[in-house]
Amino acid sequence: MGKKIDKKKDAVKEALEVDKSKRIPKKLIYILGAVILAVLVSVFILLIAQERTKDIKDYTGSVTDEENVEIILKRIGTHILLPTDEKPVVATITDADSLIQEQSFYKDARNGYKVIIYSSKAIIYDPNNDILINVGPVILQDIEYGIKADN
C-alpha cells in the first residue's frame, strides 16, 4: 500500500509541476512590470499637467483680451500677492532684445512673456511655464520725450 501512495504522490507532483519551458522568465516579468510602471507614471504626469492648465484658455482670440488678463492675473496671483485696489497694465513682450538693452530689469525676458505693471511694482511672467521671471519696483523718471512724471 505504501507503493501506491508513493505513486499517487508522484502523480500529484507531476500534475502540479509546470513544465519549465512553459514558465514565463523572470526577466520578462520584471520588464513588463517596469513598462507598466512607466505607463502609470506617464499618465499621472499628464493628468497633473492637464489639471494645472484646465482653467487656462488659449490666447488665440477665442476669449476677449480682458478675459486673458483675468486668467493671467489669476495665475500670477498663485505666486505673489497682487494689489487689489488697482487694475494693472498687461502687455506682451515682442522685442525682448531691445528691452534688455534698455533696462536690466528685462535681462531674462523672452518674446511672448507678459509684463504686468502696477503703480508700485512690475512683473515679468512666463505664461507657458507659469513662473515669475522678475519682480521689481516701478520707478518713475524723466523720459526723453520731455514728459515728466508727477512725483
Protein backbone atom coordinates (compact mmCIF):
# COMPACT_ATOMS: atom_id res chain seq x y z
CA MET A 1 0.00 0.00 0.00
CA GLY A 2 2.97 2.28 0.60
CA LYS A 3 3.99 1.98 -3.04
CA LYS A 4 0.53 3.05 -4.20
CA ILE A 5 0.71 6.13 -2.02
CA ASP A 6 4.17 6.99 -3.33
CA LYS A 7 2.94 6.60 -6.92
CA LYS A 8 -0.06 8.82 -6.19
CA LYS A 9 2.22 11.46 -4.61
CA ASP A 10 4.48 11.35 -7.66
CA ALA A 11 1.47 11.67 -9.97
CA VAL A 12 0.19 14.67 -8.00
CA LYS A 13 3.63 16.30 -8.07
CA GLU A 14 3.86 15.80 -11.81
CA ALA A 15 0.40 17.23 -12.34
CA LEU A 16 1.18 20.29 -10.22
CA GLU A 17 4.57 20.98 -11.70
CA VAL A 18 4.61 23.30 -14.67
CA ASP A 19 6.88 22.44 -17.48
CA LYS A 20 9.85 24.81 -17.12
CA SER A 21 9.75 25.63 -20.82
CA LYS A 22 6.20 26.94 -20.38
CA ARG A 23 7.09 29.25 -17.48
CA ILE A 24 7.40 32.98 -18.07
CA PRO A 25 11.01 34.05 -17.49
CA LYS A 26 11.56 36.34 -14.50
CA LYS A 27 13.35 38.89 -16.69
CA LEU A 28 10.23 39.23 -18.82
CA ILE A 29 8.07 39.72 -15.74
CA TYR A 30 10.42 42.47 -14.48
CA ILE A 31 10.45 44.17 -17.89
CA LEU A 32 6.65 44.07 -18.12
CA GLY A 33 6.40 45.46 -14.59
CA ALA A 34 8.77 48.31 -15.46
CA VAL A 35 6.80 49.12 -18.62
CA ILE A 36 3.50 49.14 -16.72
CA LEU A 37 5.04 51.36 -14.03
CA ALA A 38 6.38 53.78 -16.67
CA VAL A 39 2.96 53.99 -18.32
CA LEU A 40 1.27 54.68 -14.98
CA VAL A 41 3.78 57.40 -14.11
CA SER A 42 3.32 58.99 -17.56
CA VAL A 43 -0.46 59.00 -17.18
CA PHE A 44 -0.11 60.53 -13.72
CA ILE A 45 2.16 63.30 -15.04
CA LEU A 46 -0.23 64.03 -17.92
CA LEU A 47 -3.17 64.26 -15.53
CA ILE A 48 -1.28 66.70 -13.31
CA ALA A 49 -0.34 68.84 -16.31
CA GLN A 50 -3.92 68.79 -17.56
CA GLU A 51 -5.25 69.78 -14.14
CA ARG A 52 -2.77 72.64 -13.95
CA THR A 53 -3.91 74.11 -17.23
CA LYS A 54 -7.62 73.32 -17.20
CA ASP A 55 -8.66 76.89 -16.39
CA ILE A 56 -6.31 78.39 -18.97
CA LYS A 57 -7.84 79.28 -22.31
CA ASP A 58 -5.68 79.65 -25.37
CA TYR A 59 -4.52 83.12 -26.34
CA THR A 60 -5.64 82.88 -29.95
CA GLY A 61 -8.60 85.21 -29.73
CA SER A 62 -11.18 82.70 -28.53
CA VAL A 63 -11.61 84.87 -25.45
CA THR A 64 -11.52 88.63 -25.04
CA ASP A 65 -8.39 90.49 -24.01
CA GLU A 66 -9.97 91.29 -20.67
CA GLU A 67 -10.62 87.58 -20.03
CA ASN A 68 -6.99 86.85 -20.94
CA VAL A 69 -5.83 89.48 -18.45
CA GLU A 70 -8.02 87.96 -15.73
CA ILE A 71 -6.62 84.49 -16.45
CA ILE A 72 -3.05 85.80 -16.35
CA LEU A 73 -3.64 87.71 -13.10
CA LYS A 74 -5.26 84.64 -11.52
CA ARG A 75 -2.23 82.52 -12.40
CA ILE A 76 0.26 85.14 -11.20
CA GLY A 77 -1.78 85.53 -8.00
CA THR A 78 -0.89 81.95 -7.08
CA HIS A 79 2.78 83.02 -6.88
CA ILE A 80 2.69 86.53 -5.41
CA LEU A 81 0.28 88.85 -3.63
CA LEU A 82 -1.11 91.34 -6.15
CA PRO A 83 -2.63 94.75 -5.40
CA THR A 84 -6.42 94.55 -5.40
CA ASP A 85 -7.14 98.26 -5.45
CA GLU A 86 -5.93 98.94 -8.99
CA LYS A 87 -6.08 97.47 -12.46
CA PRO A 88 -2.65 96.77 -13.97
CA VAL A 89 -1.39 97.34 -17.46
CA VAL A 90 -0.67 93.98 -19.10
CA ALA A 91 1.47 93.74 -22.22
CA THR A 92 3.18 91.01 -24.22
CA ILE A 93 6.90 91.32 -24.88
CA THR A 94 7.51 91.33 -28.62
CA ASP A 95 11.09 92.67 -28.79
CA ALA A 96 12.94 91.32 -25.77
CA ASP A 97 16.38 92.21 -27.13
CA SER A 98 15.59 95.94 -27.23
CA LEU A 99 14.13 95.85 -23.73
CA ILE A 100 17.19 94.02 -22.38
CA GLN A 101 19.45 96.73 -23.81
CA GLU A 102 17.31 99.49 -22.27
CA GLN A 103 16.87 98.12 -18.73
CA SER A 104 18.46 95.35 -16.72
CA PHE A 105 15.02 94.51 -15.30
CA TYR A 106 14.33 92.68 -18.59
CA LYS A 107 17.59 90.68 -18.62
CA ASP A 108 15.84 87.26 -18.52
CA ALA A 109 12.82 88.28 -20.63
CA ARG A 110 11.86 86.47 -23.82
CA ASN A 111 9.39 87.27 -26.56
CA GLY A 112 5.93 86.12 -25.55
CA TYR A 113 6.40 86.79 -21.83
CA LYS A 114 3.89 89.07 -20.16
CA VAL A 115 4.72 92.33 -18.38
CA ILE A 116 2.29 93.36 -15.66
CA ILE A 117 2.70 96.91 -14.40
CA TYR A 118 1.10 98.27 -11.25
CA SER A 119 1.82 101.70 -9.79
CA SER A 120 4.19 100.14 -7.25
CA LYS A 121 5.65 97.08 -8.98
CA ALA A 122 6.30 95.48 -12.33
CA ILE A 123 6.26 91.75 -13.02
CA ILE A 124 7.65 89.70 -15.90
CA TYR A 125 5.73 86.44 -16.25
CA ASP A 126 6.24 83.37 -18.43
CA PRO A 127 2.72 82.06 -19.17
CA ASN A 128 3.94 78.85 -20.81
CA ASN A 129 5.86 77.64 -17.76
CA ASP A 130 3.72 79.51 -15.20
CA ILE A 131 6.69 81.16 -13.49
CA LEU A 132 7.60 84.69 -12.45
CA ILE A 133 10.75 85.79 -14.24
CA ASN A 134 11.32 89.06 -12.39
CA VAL A 135 9.53 91.37 -9.98
CA GLY A 136 10.69 94.89 -9.21
CA PRO A 137 9.55 98.33 -8.10
CA VAL A 138 8.26 100.87 -10.58
CA ILE A 139 10.49 103.94 -10.60
CA LEU A 140 9.10 106.90 -12.48
CA GLN A 141 11.73 109.09 -14.10
CA ASP A 142 12.03 111.75 -16.77
CA ILE A 143 11.79 110.32 -20.24
CA GLU A 144 13.40 111.64 -23.40
CA TYR A 145 10.15 112.98 -24.83
CA GLY A 146 10.11 115.83 -22.33
CA ILE A 147 7.27 114.47 -20.23
CA LYS A 148 7.99 114.49 -16.53
CA ALA A 149 6.46 112.07 -14.10
CA ASP A 150 4.31 113.50 -11.31
CA ASN A 151 6.03 112.87 -8.02
